[in-house]
Amino acid sequence: MSEPGKVIPRDELRALGERLRRAPARPRIVFANGCFDLLHVGHVRYLEAAKAAGDVLIVGVNSDASTRALKGPGRPILPAEARAELISAFAAVDYVVIFDEPTVEKLLRELRPDVHCKGTDYTEATVPERAVMRELGGDVRIVGDEKNHSTRDLLAEILRRSKKSG
């Protein structure tokens, strides 16, 4: 069961960042994001590696509309609230926020994390928010294992097996 209070409303993100930065033992704030539509081992490794980059991990979960825009018709499989609750159940994750924007630039400006982590399907040069993080004085890190896991491939395999057994 996920801990109460780990999934925060979008409008509380700025206040969370301010509260963390004022803490006596100032934690290193890390932000990671994704759709997390159908969880697989790549998601676990990404989030654990992101947590290792700092002290407090805040994860942005794409809303249903932004997931549909990124992944296409028929997605997401699970609604954003369910995906956020699943992500919040991970020990590595401290907070989760659902967002609707196409990129996380606005969230980064509000939160002002020390580190923005992206998966290995990116390079530091291809991270859309790299200029924002530079402007904020933070780092961009590419974390997780090789990108050989995907929800798309998992869904295709499920479909293939269901056709074979049906």
N, C-alpha and C. Protein backbone atom coordinates (compact mmCIF):
# COMPACT_ATOMS: atom_id res chain seq x y z
N MET A 1 0.84 -1.18 0.00
CA MET A 1 0.00 0.00 0.00
C MET A 1 0.89 1.25 0.00
N SER A 2 0.55 2.24 -0.79
CA SER A 2 1.35 3.45 -0.85
C SER A 2 1.11 4.28 0.42
N GLU A 3 2.12 5.07 0.76
CA GLU A 3 2.02 5.91 1.96
C GLU A 3 1.14 7.12 1.68
N PRO A 4 0.29 7.47 2.62
CA PRO A 4 -0.52 8.68 2.45
C PRO A 4 0.39 9.91 2.35
N GLY A 5 0.02 10.83 1.51
CA GLY A 5 0.79 12.06 1.39
C GLY A 5 1.93 12.02 0.40
N LYS A 6 2.20 10.85 -0.18
CA LYS A 6 3.27 10.78 -1.18
C LYS A 6 2.84 11.34 -2.52
N VAL A 7 1.56 11.19 -2.86
CA VAL A 7 1.03 11.78 -4.10
C VAL A 7 0.51 13.16 -3.72
N ILE A 8 1.17 14.18 -4.29
CA ILE A 8 0.80 15.55 -3.92
C ILE A 8 0.06 16.24 -5.07
N PRO A 9 -0.82 17.16 -4.75
CA PRO A 9 -1.49 17.92 -5.81
C PRO A 9 -0.48 18.77 -6.58
N ARG A 10 -0.72 18.96 -7.85
CA ARG A 10 0.17 19.71 -8.74
C ARG A 10 0.49 21.10 -8.18
N ASP A 11 -0.50 21.76 -7.60
CA ASP A 11 -0.28 23.13 -7.13
C ASP A 11 0.54 23.21 -5.84
N GLU A 12 0.96 22.06 -5.29
CA GLU A 12 1.79 22.05 -4.08
C GLU A 12 3.27 21.82 -4.37
N LEU A 13 3.62 21.67 -5.65
CA LEU A 13 5.00 21.34 -6.00
C LEU A 13 5.98 22.43 -5.59
N ARG A 14 5.68 23.68 -5.89
CA ARG A 14 6.57 24.79 -5.54
C ARG A 14 6.83 24.84 -4.03
N ALA A 15 5.75 24.72 -3.25
CA ALA A 15 5.88 24.77 -1.79
C ALA A 15 6.72 23.60 -1.27
N LEU A 16 6.58 22.43 -1.88
CA LEU A 16 7.39 21.28 -1.49
C LEU A 16 8.87 21.58 -1.71
N GLY A 17 9.21 22.11 -2.88
CA GLY A 17 10.60 22.45 -3.17
C GLY A 17 11.15 23.46 -2.18
N GLU A 18 10.37 24.48 -1.86
CA GLU A 18 10.80 25.51 -0.90
C GLU A 18 11.01 24.90 0.48
N ARG A 19 10.08 24.05 0.90
CA ARG A 19 10.19 23.40 2.21
C ARG A 19 11.45 22.53 2.29
N LEU A 20 11.72 21.78 1.24
CA LEU A 20 12.91 20.92 1.23
C LEU A 20 14.20 21.74 1.26
N ARG A 21 14.23 22.83 0.51
CA ARG A 21 15.44 23.66 0.47
C ARG A 21 15.70 24.37 1.80
N ARG A 22 14.65 24.60 2.59
CA ARG A 22 14.80 25.26 3.90
C ARG A 22 15.13 24.28 5.02
N ALA A 23 15.06 22.99 4.73
CA ALA A 23 15.30 21.99 5.78
C ALA A 23 16.71 22.15 6.35
N PRO A 24 16.86 21.93 7.66
CA PRO A 24 18.16 22.10 8.31
C PRO A 24 19.29 21.30 7.63
N ALA A 25 19.05 20.04 7.37
CA ALA A 25 20.03 19.23 6.63
C ALA A 25 19.57 19.20 5.18
N ARG A 26 19.84 20.26 4.44
CA ARG A 26 19.34 20.46 3.08
C ARG A 26 19.56 19.22 2.21
N PRO A 27 18.45 18.53 1.85
CA PRO A 27 18.60 17.33 1.02
C PRO A 27 18.87 17.69 -0.44
N ARG A 28 19.51 16.78 -1.13
CA ARG A 28 19.72 16.91 -2.58
C ARG A 28 18.42 16.44 -3.23
N ILE A 29 17.74 17.34 -3.97
CA ILE A 29 16.43 17.06 -4.56
C ILE A 29 16.60 16.53 -5.98
N VAL A 30 15.98 15.41 -6.25
CA VAL A 30 16.05 14.77 -7.56
C VAL A 30 14.64 14.69 -8.14
N PHE A 31 14.55 14.97 -9.44
CA PHE A 31 13.27 14.86 -10.14
C PHE A 31 13.42 13.89 -11.30
N ALA A 32 12.44 13.01 -11.46
CA ALA A 32 12.38 12.08 -12.60
C ALA A 32 10.95 12.08 -13.08
N ASN A 33 10.71 11.63 -14.30
CA ASN A 33 9.33 11.64 -14.80
C ASN A 33 9.11 10.56 -15.85
N GLY A 34 7.83 10.28 -16.10
CA GLY A 34 7.47 9.31 -17.13
C GLY A 34 5.98 9.03 -17.11
N CYS A 35 5.56 8.22 -18.07
CA CYS A 35 4.15 7.82 -18.14
C CYS A 35 3.87 6.65 -17.19
N PHE A 36 4.80 5.70 -17.10
CA PHE A 36 4.67 4.56 -16.19
C PHE A 36 3.34 3.85 -16.40
N ASP A 37 3.01 3.59 -17.67
CA ASP A 37 1.70 3.07 -18.03
C ASP A 37 1.49 1.62 -17.62
N LEU A 38 2.46 0.78 -17.82
CA LEU A 38 2.40 -0.62 -17.43
C LEU A 38 3.79 -0.91 -16.88
N LEU A 39 3.89 -1.05 -15.59
CA LEU A 39 5.20 -1.12 -14.94
C LEU A 39 5.99 -2.34 -15.38
N HIS A 40 7.30 -2.13 -15.54
CA HIS A 40 8.23 -3.21 -15.87
C HIS A 40 9.55 -2.94 -15.17
N VAL A 41 10.46 -3.87 -15.26
CA VAL A 41 11.72 -3.79 -14.53
C VAL A 41 12.54 -2.54 -14.91
N GLY A 42 12.42 -2.06 -16.12
CA GLY A 42 13.13 -0.84 -16.52
C GLY A 42 12.70 0.36 -15.69
N HIS A 43 11.41 0.43 -15.35
CA HIS A 43 10.92 1.52 -14.51
C HIS A 43 11.54 1.44 -13.12
N VAL A 44 11.59 0.23 -12.56
CA VAL A 44 12.16 0.03 -11.23
C VAL A 44 13.63 0.48 -11.22
N ARG A 45 14.39 0.04 -12.21
CA ARG A 45 15.82 0.38 -12.26
C ARG A 45 16.03 1.87 -12.49
N TYR A 46 15.19 2.49 -13.28
CA TYR A 46 15.27 3.94 -13.53
C TYR A 46 15.03 4.71 -12.24
N LEU A 47 13.97 4.36 -11.51
CA LEU A 47 13.64 5.09 -10.29
C LEU A 47 14.66 4.85 -9.18
N GLU A 48 15.15 3.63 -9.07
CA GLU A 48 16.19 3.36 -8.06
C GLU A 48 17.48 4.11 -8.38
N ALA A 49 17.84 4.18 -9.64
CA ALA A 49 19.05 4.92 -10.03
C ALA A 49 18.85 6.42 -9.84
N ALA A 50 17.64 6.91 -10.09
CA ALA A 50 17.35 8.33 -9.86
C ALA A 50 17.48 8.65 -8.38
N LYS A 51 16.96 7.81 -7.52
CA LYS A 51 17.05 8.03 -6.08
C LYS A 51 18.51 8.07 -5.64
N ALA A 52 19.35 7.25 -6.24
CA ALA A 52 20.78 7.21 -5.89
C ALA A 52 21.49 8.52 -6.23
N ALA A 53 20.89 9.35 -7.05
CA ALA A 53 21.49 10.64 -7.44
C ALA A 53 21.27 11.73 -6.39
N GLY A 54 20.53 11.42 -5.33
CA GLY A 54 20.27 12.43 -4.31
C GLY A 54 19.60 11.86 -3.09
N ASP A 55 18.88 12.71 -2.38
CA ASP A 55 18.28 12.32 -1.11
C ASP A 55 16.76 12.19 -1.18
N VAL A 56 16.11 13.09 -1.92
CA VAL A 56 14.65 13.09 -2.03
C VAL A 56 14.29 12.97 -3.50
N LEU A 57 13.53 11.94 -3.84
CA LEU A 57 13.12 11.72 -5.24
C LEU A 57 11.65 12.09 -5.41
N ILE A 58 11.42 13.03 -6.31
CA ILE A 58 10.07 13.44 -6.68
C ILE A 58 9.85 12.99 -8.12
N VAL A 59 8.77 12.29 -8.36
CA VAL A 59 8.49 11.72 -9.68
C VAL A 59 7.25 12.37 -10.28
N GLY A 60 7.39 12.88 -11.49
CA GLY A 60 6.27 13.40 -12.25
C GLY A 60 5.68 12.29 -13.10
N VAL A 61 4.37 12.11 -13.00
CA VAL A 61 3.64 11.12 -13.80
C VAL A 61 2.77 11.86 -14.80
N ASN A 62 2.93 11.55 -16.07
CA ASN A 62 2.13 12.19 -17.11
C ASN A 62 0.64 11.92 -16.90
N SER A 63 -0.16 12.95 -17.09
CA SER A 63 -1.62 12.82 -17.01
C SER A 63 -2.10 11.90 -18.14
N ASP A 64 -3.36 11.56 -18.10
CA ASP A 64 -3.93 10.72 -19.16
C ASP A 64 -3.82 11.43 -20.51
N ALA A 65 -4.14 12.72 -20.56
CA ALA A 65 -4.09 13.46 -21.82
C ALA A 65 -2.67 13.55 -22.36
N SER A 66 -1.69 13.82 -21.50
CA SER A 66 -0.32 13.92 -22.01
C SER A 66 0.24 12.55 -22.38
N THR A 67 -0.18 11.50 -21.69
CA THR A 67 0.24 10.15 -22.07
C THR A 67 -0.32 9.79 -23.44
N ARG A 68 -1.60 10.10 -23.66
CA ARG A 68 -2.24 9.83 -24.96
C ARG A 68 -1.52 10.59 -26.07
N ALA A 69 -1.15 11.85 -25.80
CA ALA A 69 -0.45 12.65 -26.81
C ALA A 69 0.92 12.06 -27.13
N LEU A 70 1.59 11.51 -26.13
CA LEU A 70 2.92 10.93 -26.34
C LEU A 70 2.87 9.52 -26.92
N LYS A 71 1.93 8.71 -26.45
CA LYS A 71 1.93 7.28 -26.77
C LYS A 71 0.89 6.87 -27.81
N GLY A 72 -0.11 7.72 -28.04
CA GLY A 72 -1.09 7.41 -29.08
C GLY A 72 -2.39 6.86 -28.54
N PRO A 73 -3.32 6.57 -29.47
CA PRO A 73 -4.65 6.07 -29.09
C PRO A 73 -4.55 4.77 -28.31
N GLY A 74 -5.48 4.57 -27.40
CA GLY A 74 -5.48 3.35 -26.61
C GLY A 74 -4.62 3.44 -25.36
N ARG A 75 -3.90 4.51 -25.21
CA ARG A 75 -3.05 4.69 -24.03
C ARG A 75 -3.55 5.91 -23.29
N PRO A 76 -3.41 5.97 -22.04
CA PRO A 76 -2.80 4.98 -21.16
C PRO A 76 -3.73 3.79 -20.89
N ILE A 77 -3.13 2.73 -20.39
CA ILE A 77 -3.88 1.55 -19.99
C ILE A 77 -4.55 1.83 -18.64
N LEU A 78 -3.78 2.41 -17.73
CA LEU A 78 -4.27 2.75 -16.39
C LEU A 78 -4.43 4.26 -16.27
N PRO A 79 -5.42 4.72 -15.51
CA PRO A 79 -5.57 6.17 -15.31
C PRO A 79 -4.41 6.74 -14.48
N ALA A 80 -4.17 8.03 -14.63
CA ALA A 80 -3.04 8.70 -13.97
C ALA A 80 -3.03 8.48 -12.47
N GLU A 81 -4.19 8.53 -11.83
CA GLU A 81 -4.24 8.37 -10.38
C GLU A 81 -3.73 6.99 -9.97
N ALA A 82 -4.08 5.96 -10.71
CA ALA A 82 -3.61 4.60 -10.41
C ALA A 82 -2.10 4.50 -10.67
N ARG A 83 -1.64 5.09 -11.77
CA ARG A 83 -0.20 5.06 -12.06
C ARG A 83 0.59 5.80 -10.99
N ALA A 84 0.07 6.92 -10.52
CA ALA A 84 0.75 7.69 -9.46
C ALA A 84 0.79 6.89 -8.16
N GLU A 85 -0.29 6.22 -7.83
CA GLU A 85 -0.31 5.41 -6.61
C GLU A 85 0.68 4.25 -6.70
N LEU A 86 0.75 3.61 -7.86
CA LEU A 86 1.73 2.53 -8.03
C LEU A 86 3.16 3.04 -7.86
N ILE A 87 3.48 4.16 -8.48
CA ILE A 87 4.83 4.73 -8.39
C ILE A 87 5.12 5.13 -6.95
N SER A 88 4.13 5.67 -6.25
CA SER A 88 4.35 6.10 -4.86
C SER A 88 4.63 4.91 -3.94
N ALA A 89 4.29 3.71 -4.34
CA ALA A 89 4.53 2.52 -3.51
C ALA A 89 5.99 2.09 -3.52
N PHE A 90 6.78 2.59 -4.45
CA PHE A 90 8.20 2.24 -4.49
C PHE A 90 8.94 2.90 -3.33
N ALA A 91 9.80 2.14 -2.67
CA ALA A 91 10.58 2.67 -1.55
C ALA A 91 11.47 3.83 -1.99
N ALA A 92 11.95 3.82 -3.20
CA ALA A 92 12.87 4.85 -3.70
C ALA A 92 12.17 6.19 -3.91
N VAL A 93 10.86 6.17 -4.02
CA VAL A 93 10.10 7.39 -4.37
C VAL A 93 9.58 8.07 -3.11
N ASP A 94 9.87 9.38 -3.00
CA ASP A 94 9.41 10.14 -1.84
C ASP A 94 8.11 10.88 -2.11
N TYR A 95 7.95 11.43 -3.32
CA TYR A 95 6.73 12.16 -3.69
C TYR A 95 6.43 11.91 -5.16
N VAL A 96 5.13 12.02 -5.49
CA VAL A 96 4.67 11.87 -6.86
C VAL A 96 3.72 13.02 -7.17
N VAL A 97 3.82 13.55 -8.38
CA VAL A 97 2.92 14.60 -8.82
C VAL A 97 2.47 14.27 -10.25
N ILE A 98 1.20 14.45 -10.53
CA ILE A 98 0.67 14.23 -11.88
C ILE A 98 0.73 15.57 -12.61
N PHE A 99 1.20 15.53 -13.86
CA PHE A 99 1.30 16.78 -14.62
C PHE A 99 0.72 16.60 -16.01
N ASP A 100 0.28 17.72 -16.58
CA ASP A 100 -0.41 17.69 -17.87
C ASP A 100 0.39 18.30 -19.01
N GLU A 101 1.47 18.99 -18.70
CA GLU A 101 2.26 19.67 -19.73
C GLU A 101 3.01 18.67 -20.61
N PRO A 102 3.38 19.08 -21.84
CA PRO A 102 4.10 18.16 -22.74
C PRO A 102 5.54 17.88 -22.30
N THR A 103 6.16 18.82 -21.58
CA THR A 103 7.49 18.58 -20.99
C THR A 103 7.42 18.98 -19.52
N VAL A 104 8.49 18.72 -18.79
CA VAL A 104 8.48 19.03 -17.36
C VAL A 104 9.20 20.36 -17.05
N GLU A 105 9.40 21.18 -18.06
CA GLU A 105 10.10 22.45 -17.84
C GLU A 105 9.45 23.29 -16.74
N LYS A 106 8.13 23.43 -16.78
CA LYS A 106 7.42 24.24 -15.79
C LYS A 106 7.58 23.64 -14.40
N LEU A 107 7.49 22.32 -14.30
CA LEU A 107 7.65 21.66 -13.01
C LEU A 107 9.06 21.88 -12.46
N LEU A 108 10.07 21.79 -13.32
CA LEU A 108 11.44 22.01 -12.89
C LEU A 108 11.62 23.44 -12.37
N ARG A 109 11.03 24.41 -13.05
CA ARG A 109 11.13 25.81 -12.60
C ARG A 109 10.46 25.99 -11.23
N GLU A 110 9.35 25.28 -11.00
CA GLU A 110 8.65 25.40 -9.73
C GLU A 110 9.39 24.67 -8.60
N LEU A 111 9.83 23.47 -8.86
CA LEU A 111 10.48 22.64 -7.85
C LEU A 111 11.93 23.06 -7.60
N ARG A 112 12.64 23.40 -8.69
CA ARG A 112 14.06 23.76 -8.64
C ARG A 112 14.91 22.64 -8.02
N PRO A 113 14.85 21.45 -8.65
CA PRO A 113 15.63 20.33 -8.11
C PRO A 113 17.12 20.53 -8.38
N ASP A 114 17.92 19.76 -7.66
CA ASP A 114 19.37 19.77 -7.88
C ASP A 114 19.72 18.91 -9.09
N VAL A 115 18.93 17.86 -9.31
CA VAL A 115 19.21 16.90 -10.38
C VAL A 115 17.91 16.55 -11.09
N HIS A 116 17.99 16.49 -12.43
CA HIS A 116 16.86 16.01 -13.24
C HIS A 116 17.35 14.74 -13.93
N CYS A 117 16.71 13.62 -13.62
CA CYS A 117 17.11 12.33 -14.18
C CYS A 117 16.21 11.92 -15.33
N LYS A 118 16.82 11.42 -16.38
CA LYS A 118 16.10 10.86 -17.53
C LYS A 118 16.65 9.46 -17.78
N GLY A 119 15.86 8.65 -18.45
CA GLY A 119 16.25 7.28 -18.76
C GLY A 119 17.26 7.21 -19.89
N THR A 120 17.76 6.01 -20.11
CA THR A 120 18.83 5.80 -21.08
C THR A 120 18.38 5.88 -22.53
N ASP A 121 17.09 6.15 -22.76
CA ASP A 121 16.66 6.41 -24.13
C ASP A 121 17.00 7.85 -24.52
N TYR A 122 17.56 8.61 -23.58
CA TYR A 122 18.04 9.98 -23.83
C TYR A 122 19.56 10.02 -23.71
N THR A 123 20.14 11.09 -24.22
CA THR A 123 21.51 11.46 -23.90
C THR A 123 21.40 12.83 -23.26
N GLU A 124 22.45 13.29 -22.60
CA GLU A 124 22.37 14.62 -21.99
C GLU A 124 22.02 15.68 -23.03
N ALA A 125 22.49 15.48 -24.26
CA ALA A 125 22.22 16.46 -25.33
C ALA A 125 20.78 16.43 -25.82
N THR A 126 20.07 15.32 -25.62
CA THR A 126 18.69 15.22 -26.13
C THR A 126 17.63 15.45 -25.06
N VAL A 127 18.01 15.69 -23.82
CA VAL A 127 17.04 15.95 -22.76
C VAL A 127 16.37 17.29 -23.04
N PRO A 128 15.06 17.32 -23.26
CA PRO A 128 14.38 18.56 -23.64
C PRO A 128 14.54 19.69 -22.61
N GLU A 129 14.71 19.33 -21.35
CA GLU A 129 14.78 20.32 -20.29
C GLU A 129 16.20 20.68 -19.87
N ARG A 130 17.20 20.28 -20.63
CA ARG A 130 18.60 20.51 -20.22
C ARG A 130 18.92 22.00 -20.05
N ALA A 131 18.39 22.87 -20.90
CA ALA A 131 18.66 24.31 -20.79
C ALA A 131 18.05 24.88 -19.50
N VAL A 132 16.87 24.41 -19.14
CA VAL A 132 16.23 24.86 -17.91
C VAL A 132 17.07 24.45 -16.70
N MET A 133 17.56 23.22 -16.70
CA MET A 133 18.37 22.77 -15.57
C MET A 133 19.69 23.56 -15.50
N ARG A 134 20.27 23.86 -16.63
CA ARG A 134 21.49 24.68 -16.65
C ARG A 134 21.19 26.05 -16.05
N GLU A 135 20.07 26.64 -16.47
CA GLU A 135 19.65 27.95 -15.97
C GLU A 135 19.42 27.92 -14.45
N LEU A 136 18.88 26.81 -13.95
CA LEU A 136 18.61 26.67 -12.52
C LEU A 136 19.86 26.29 -11.72
N GLY A 137 20.94 25.98 -12.42
CA GLY A 137 22.18 25.59 -11.74
C GLY A 137 22.19 24.13 -11.32
N GLY A 138 21.31 23.34 -11.90
CA GLY A 138 21.24 21.92 -11.57
C GLY A 138 21.90 21.04 -12.61
N ASP A 139 21.89 19.75 -12.34
CA ASP A 139 22.50 18.76 -13.22
C ASP A 139 21.43 17.93 -13.93
N VAL A 140 21.80 17.42 -15.09
CA VAL A 140 21.00 16.42 -15.79
C VAL A 140 21.78 15.12 -15.72
N ARG A 141 21.12 14.05 -15.35
CA ARG A 141 21.76 12.74 -15.28
C ARG A 141 20.95 11.74 -16.09
N ILE A 142 21.65 10.90 -16.81
CA ILE A 142 21.03 9.78 -17.53
C ILE A 142 21.23 8.56 -16.64
N VAL A 143 20.11 7.94 -16.23
CA VAL A 143 20.19 6.85 -15.25
C VAL A 143 19.33 5.66 -15.68
N GLY A 144 19.58 4.53 -15.03
CA GLY A 144 18.82 3.32 -15.31
C GLY A 144 19.62 2.38 -16.18
N ASP A 145 19.00 1.29 -16.53
CA ASP A 145 19.68 0.32 -17.37
C ASP A 145 19.42 0.59 -18.84
N GLU A 146 20.06 -0.20 -19.67
CA GLU A 146 19.88 -0.06 -21.12
C GLU A 146 18.40 -0.12 -21.47
N LYS A 147 18.00 0.68 -22.43
CA LYS A 147 16.58 0.76 -22.80
C LYS A 147 16.21 -0.46 -23.66
N ASN A 148 16.06 -1.60 -22.99
CA ASN A 148 15.60 -2.79 -23.71
C ASN A 148 14.32 -3.34 -23.08
N HIS A 149 13.62 -2.45 -22.37
CA HIS A 149 12.30 -2.76 -21.80
C HIS A 149 11.38 -1.63 -22.23
N SER A 150 10.19 -1.95 -22.63
CA SER A 150 9.23 -0.89 -22.92
C SER A 150 7.82 -1.40 -22.74
N THR A 151 6.94 -0.49 -22.37
CA THR A 151 5.54 -0.85 -22.23
C THR A 151 4.98 -1.28 -23.58
N ARG A 152 5.38 -0.59 -24.64
CA ARG A 152 4.91 -0.92 -25.99
C ARG A 152 5.25 -2.38 -26.33
N ASP A 153 6.50 -2.79 -26.06
CA ASP A 153 6.90 -4.17 -26.35
C ASP A 153 6.17 -5.16 -25.45
N LEU A 154 5.95 -4.79 -24.21
CA LEU A 154 5.22 -5.66 -23.28
C LEU A 154 3.78 -5.86 -23.75
N LEU A 155 3.13 -4.77 -24.16
CA LEU A 155 1.76 -4.88 -24.68
C LEU A 155 1.71 -5.74 -25.94
N ALA A 156 2.70 -5.57 -26.82
CA ALA A 156 2.75 -6.37 -28.06
C ALA A 156 2.91 -7.85 -27.73
N GLU A 157 3.73 -8.17 -26.74
CA GLU A 157 3.93 -9.56 -26.34
C GLU A 157 2.66 -10.15 -25.73
N ILE A 158 1.98 -9.38 -24.92
CA ILE A 158 0.71 -9.83 -24.33
C ILE A 158 -0.31 -10.13 -25.44
N LEU A 159 -0.40 -9.24 -26.41
CA LEU A 159 -1.32 -9.42 -27.53
C LEU A 159 -0.94 -10.67 -28.35
N ARG A 160 0.37 -10.81 -28.63
CA ARG A 160 0.85 -11.97 -29.39
C ARG A 160 0.48 -13.26 -28.68
N ARG A 161 0.72 -13.33 -27.38
CA ARG A 161 0.42 -14.56 -26.62
C ARG A 161 -1.08 -14.81 -26.53
N SER A 162 -1.89 -13.76 -26.41
CA SER A 162 -3.32 -13.96 -26.31
C SER A 162 -3.89 -14.49 -27.63
N LYS A 163 -3.32 -14.05 -28.76
CA LYS A 163 -3.76 -14.54 -30.07
C LYS A 163 -3.35 -16.00 -30.26
N LYS A 164 -2.16 -16.34 -29.76
CA LYS A 164 -1.64 -17.70 -29.89
C LYS A 164 -2.47 -18.67 -29.06
N SER A 165 -2.89 -18.25 -27.86
CA SER A 165 -3.64 -19.16 -26.99
C SER A 165 -5.14 -19.11 -27.27
N GLY A 166 -5.58 -18.10 -28.03
CA GLY A 166 -7.03 -17.96 -28.29
C GLY A 166 -7.43 -18.65 -29.51
